[in-house]
Structure formats: structure tokens, C-alpha cells
N, C-alpha and C. Protein backbone atom coordinates (compact mmCIF):
# COMPACT_ATOMS: atom_id res chain seq x y z
N MET A 1 55.02 -88.35 89.74
CA MET A 1 53.36 -87.64 89.51
C MET A 1 53.11 -88.76 87.91
N PHE A 2 51.55 -89.21 87.96
CA PHE A 2 51.24 -89.67 86.74
C PHE A 2 50.34 -89.25 86.14
N VAL A 3 49.44 -89.58 84.61
CA VAL A 3 48.93 -88.75 84.22
C VAL A 3 48.10 -89.85 83.13
N THR A 4 46.75 -89.42 83.34
CA THR A 4 45.18 -90.81 82.65
C THR A 4 44.78 -89.81 81.51
N LYS A 5 44.80 -90.41 80.48
CA LYS A 5 43.16 -90.11 79.19
C LYS A 5 42.97 -88.55 79.80
N GLU A 6 41.72 -88.71 81.07
CA GLU A 6 40.92 -88.16 81.58
C GLU A 6 41.59 -86.30 82.14
N ASP A 7 42.69 -86.99 82.69
CA ASP A 7 43.66 -85.60 83.14
C ASP A 7 44.01 -84.82 82.10
N LEU A 8 44.45 -85.04 80.97
CA LEU A 8 44.71 -84.50 79.61
C LEU A 8 43.69 -84.15 78.55
N LYS A 9 42.73 -84.46 79.27
CA LYS A 9 40.91 -83.91 78.52
C LYS A 9 40.97 -82.65 79.83
N LYS A 10 41.13 -82.40 81.01
CA LYS A 10 41.04 -81.60 81.58
C LYS A 10 41.98 -80.10 80.88
N LEU A 11 43.32 -80.75 80.91
CA LEU A 11 44.26 -79.59 80.10
C LEU A 11 43.07 -79.10 78.93
N GLY A 12 41.86 -79.62 78.21
CA GLY A 12 41.78 -78.81 77.46
C GLY A 12 42.58 -79.45 76.14
N PHE A 13 42.81 -80.90 76.14
CA PHE A 13 43.42 -81.48 74.36
C PHE A 13 41.72 -82.64 74.06
N GLY A 14 41.96 -83.34 73.03
CA GLY A 14 40.65 -83.47 73.04
C GLY A 14 40.88 -85.00 73.18
N ASN A 15 39.60 -85.65 72.58
CA ASN A 15 39.85 -87.22 73.28
C ASN A 15 40.47 -88.40 72.68
N TYR A 16 40.79 -87.69 70.84
CA TYR A 16 41.50 -88.48 70.63
C TYR A 16 43.00 -88.33 70.69
N GLN A 17 43.16 -86.79 70.59
CA GLN A 17 44.14 -86.08 71.22
C GLN A 17 45.11 -86.92 72.14
N ALA A 18 44.08 -86.81 73.70
CA ALA A 18 44.70 -87.13 74.89
C ALA A 18 44.82 -88.89 74.42
N TYR A 19 44.02 -89.75 73.62
CA TYR A 19 44.10 -91.04 73.77
C TYR A 19 46.02 -90.98 73.17
N SER A 20 46.00 -90.70 72.10
CA SER A 20 46.86 -90.56 71.21
C SER A 20 48.52 -90.45 71.86
N LEU A 21 48.51 -89.62 72.79
CA LEU A 21 49.74 -89.10 73.77
C LEU A 21 49.97 -90.01 74.98
N ILE A 22 49.03 -90.34 75.61
CA ILE A 22 49.62 -92.29 76.14
C ILE A 22 50.04 -92.86 75.89
N LYS A 23 49.31 -93.15 74.46
CA LYS A 23 49.89 -94.22 73.17
C LYS A 23 51.33 -94.21 72.87
N GLN A 24 51.18 -93.05 72.94
CA GLN A 24 52.78 -92.24 71.97
C GLN A 24 53.75 -92.45 73.39
N ALA A 25 53.08 -91.51 74.73
CA ALA A 25 54.00 -91.77 75.74
C ALA A 25 54.48 -93.24 76.22
N LYS A 26 53.47 -94.33 76.46
CA LYS A 26 53.95 -95.68 76.45
C LYS A 26 54.56 -96.21 75.48
N ALA A 27 54.34 -95.76 74.55
CA ALA A 27 55.65 -96.05 73.59
C ALA A 27 56.63 -96.12 73.55
N LEU A 28 57.24 -95.02 74.19
CA LEU A 28 58.44 -93.94 74.28
C LEU A 28 58.91 -94.90 75.85
N MET A 29 58.28 -95.27 77.02
CA MET A 29 58.52 -95.56 77.94
C MET A 29 59.44 -96.69 77.94
N VAL A 30 58.20 -98.05 76.68
CA VAL A 30 59.06 -98.96 76.28
C VAL A 30 60.02 -99.00 75.43
N GLN A 31 59.85 -98.16 74.92
CA GLN A 31 61.63 -97.90 73.73
C GLN A 31 62.44 -97.55 74.79
N LYS A 32 62.57 -96.76 76.54
CA LYS A 32 63.68 -96.76 77.53
C LYS A 32 63.78 -97.53 78.57
N GLY A 33 62.94 -99.04 77.95
CA GLY A 33 63.24 -100.21 78.90
C GLY A 33 62.39 -100.32 79.81
N PHE A 34 61.36 -99.98 79.86
CA PHE A 34 60.11 -100.22 81.10
C PHE A 34 59.33 -101.09 80.13
N ALA A 35 59.44 -102.26 80.18
CA ALA A 35 58.15 -103.39 79.68
C ALA A 35 57.20 -103.26 80.28
N TYR A 36 56.73 -102.85 81.30
CA TYR A 36 55.67 -102.49 81.93
C TYR A 36 54.72 -101.69 81.27
N TYR A 37 55.28 -100.57 80.89
CA TYR A 37 54.45 -99.90 80.02
C TYR A 37 53.79 -100.30 78.70
N ASN A 38 54.00 -102.00 78.38
CA ASN A 38 53.75 -103.01 76.88
C ASN A 38 52.26 -103.28 77.32
N SER A 39 51.60 -102.82 78.20
CA SER A 39 50.63 -103.41 78.63
C SER A 39 48.96 -102.98 78.06
N LYS A 40 48.27 -103.19 77.41
CA LYS A 40 46.99 -102.51 76.95
C LYS A 40 45.64 -101.70 77.83
N GLY A 41 46.09 -102.34 78.74
CA GLY A 41 44.97 -102.22 79.92
C GLY A 41 45.46 -100.86 81.00
N LEU A 42 47.01 -100.19 80.62
CA LEU A 42 47.68 -99.91 81.44
C LEU A 42 47.33 -98.27 80.68
N GLY A 43 46.21 -97.92 81.63
CA GLY A 43 46.14 -96.07 81.45
C GLY A 43 46.72 -94.91 82.06
N GLN A 44 47.65 -94.74 81.83
CA GLN A 44 48.64 -93.98 83.38
C GLN A 44 50.00 -93.92 82.79
N VAL A 45 50.99 -93.08 82.50
CA VAL A 45 51.89 -92.98 82.10
C VAL A 45 52.77 -91.79 83.03
N PRO A 46 54.05 -91.43 83.43
CA PRO A 46 54.38 -90.41 83.53
C PRO A 46 54.19 -89.12 82.98
N VAL A 47 54.05 -88.23 84.22
CA VAL A 47 53.88 -86.76 83.53
C VAL A 47 55.09 -86.39 82.43
N GLU A 48 55.87 -87.01 82.48
CA GLU A 48 57.75 -86.63 82.43
C GLU A 48 57.81 -86.83 80.67
N ALA A 49 57.13 -88.25 80.63
CA ALA A 49 57.02 -88.55 79.33
C ALA A 49 55.64 -87.95 78.18
N VAL A 50 55.05 -88.06 78.89
CA VAL A 50 53.76 -86.64 77.71
C VAL A 50 54.97 -85.42 77.99
N GLU A 51 55.27 -84.94 78.89
CA GLU A 51 55.70 -83.53 78.38
C GLU A 51 57.08 -83.68 77.16
N GLU A 52 57.46 -84.71 77.66
CA GLU A 52 59.20 -84.70 76.37
C GLU A 52 58.51 -85.07 75.21
N ILE A 53 57.06 -85.52 75.18
CA ILE A 53 56.60 -85.87 73.68
C ILE A 53 56.24 -84.44 72.98
N LEU A 54 55.30 -83.57 73.85
CA LEU A 54 55.05 -82.21 73.87
C LEU A 54 56.11 -80.93 73.36
N GLY A 55 56.92 -81.28 74.09
CA GLY A 55 58.50 -80.59 74.26
C GLY A 55 57.86 -79.35 75.26
N THR A 56 57.05 -79.47 76.02
CA THR A 56 56.67 -78.21 77.37
C THR A 56 56.34 -78.70 78.44
N LYS A 57 56.23 -78.54 79.53
CA LYS A 57 56.06 -78.50 80.97
C LYS A 57 54.29 -78.58 80.76
N LEU A 58 53.67 -79.09 81.63
CA LEU A 58 52.19 -78.98 81.23
C LEU A 58 51.86 -78.83 82.98
N ASN A 59 50.69 -77.51 83.06
CA ASN A 59 50.89 -76.86 84.39
C ASN A 59 49.26 -77.37 84.77
N PHE A 60 49.32 -78.83 85.95
CA PHE A 60 47.88 -78.76 86.23
C PHE A 60 47.06 -77.87 87.99
N LYS A 61 48.29 -77.34 87.82
CA LYS A 61 47.89 -76.15 89.05
C LYS A 61 46.96 -76.02 88.82
N GLU A 62 46.31 -74.71 87.40
CA GLU A 62 45.43 -73.87 86.74
C GLU A 62 44.22 -74.90 86.74
N VAL A 63 44.36 -76.12 86.46
CA VAL A 63 43.15 -76.87 85.89
C VAL A 63 42.27 -77.45 87.50
N GLU A 64 43.02 -76.93 89.04
CA GLU A 64 43.02 -77.86 89.83
C GLU A 64 41.87 -76.64 90.44
N GLU A 65 42.83 -75.28 90.40
CA GLU A 65 41.76 -74.13 90.88
C GLU A 65 40.21 -73.78 90.23
N TYR A 66 40.06 -74.45 88.93
CA TYR A 66 39.13 -73.96 88.37
C TYR A 66 37.81 -75.33 88.63
N ALA A 67 38.66 -76.40 89.45
CA ALA A 67 37.68 -77.49 89.36
C ALA A 67 36.84 -77.57 90.44
């Protein structure tokens, strides 16, 4: 599963926080050897990468229930 800045904003993160998390996750993926994520135009990353940065699981099901 992949996540975008807009998905993170729906979870309650601010605009800059969401942008920063995506940027950090892309850097983490490049560090792990996935050069594909070195693209500036790419705006989605694996959920697992964001969860690794945050140190917790993200729950998208609660957001979907209120959408």
C-alpha cells in the first residue's frame, strides 16, 4: 500500500508535516537501495516507510469510516 501527502493530511498531519514525511520516506527508500524514489515528481511512498519514520502504525480504516 502506498501513501500520499493528501492521505497523511486526512490522518490529521499538517501540510508541512505531510510533505516532510513523504520527503523523509523517499530518502529512506533511496538509502535502502530503491533509486526509483529519487525522483522529484514522485509523490507517493510505501506506508511501511512512513510508519518506520514515525515508529507507529497508521490506521487508515478510521479515516475511511468518516469520509
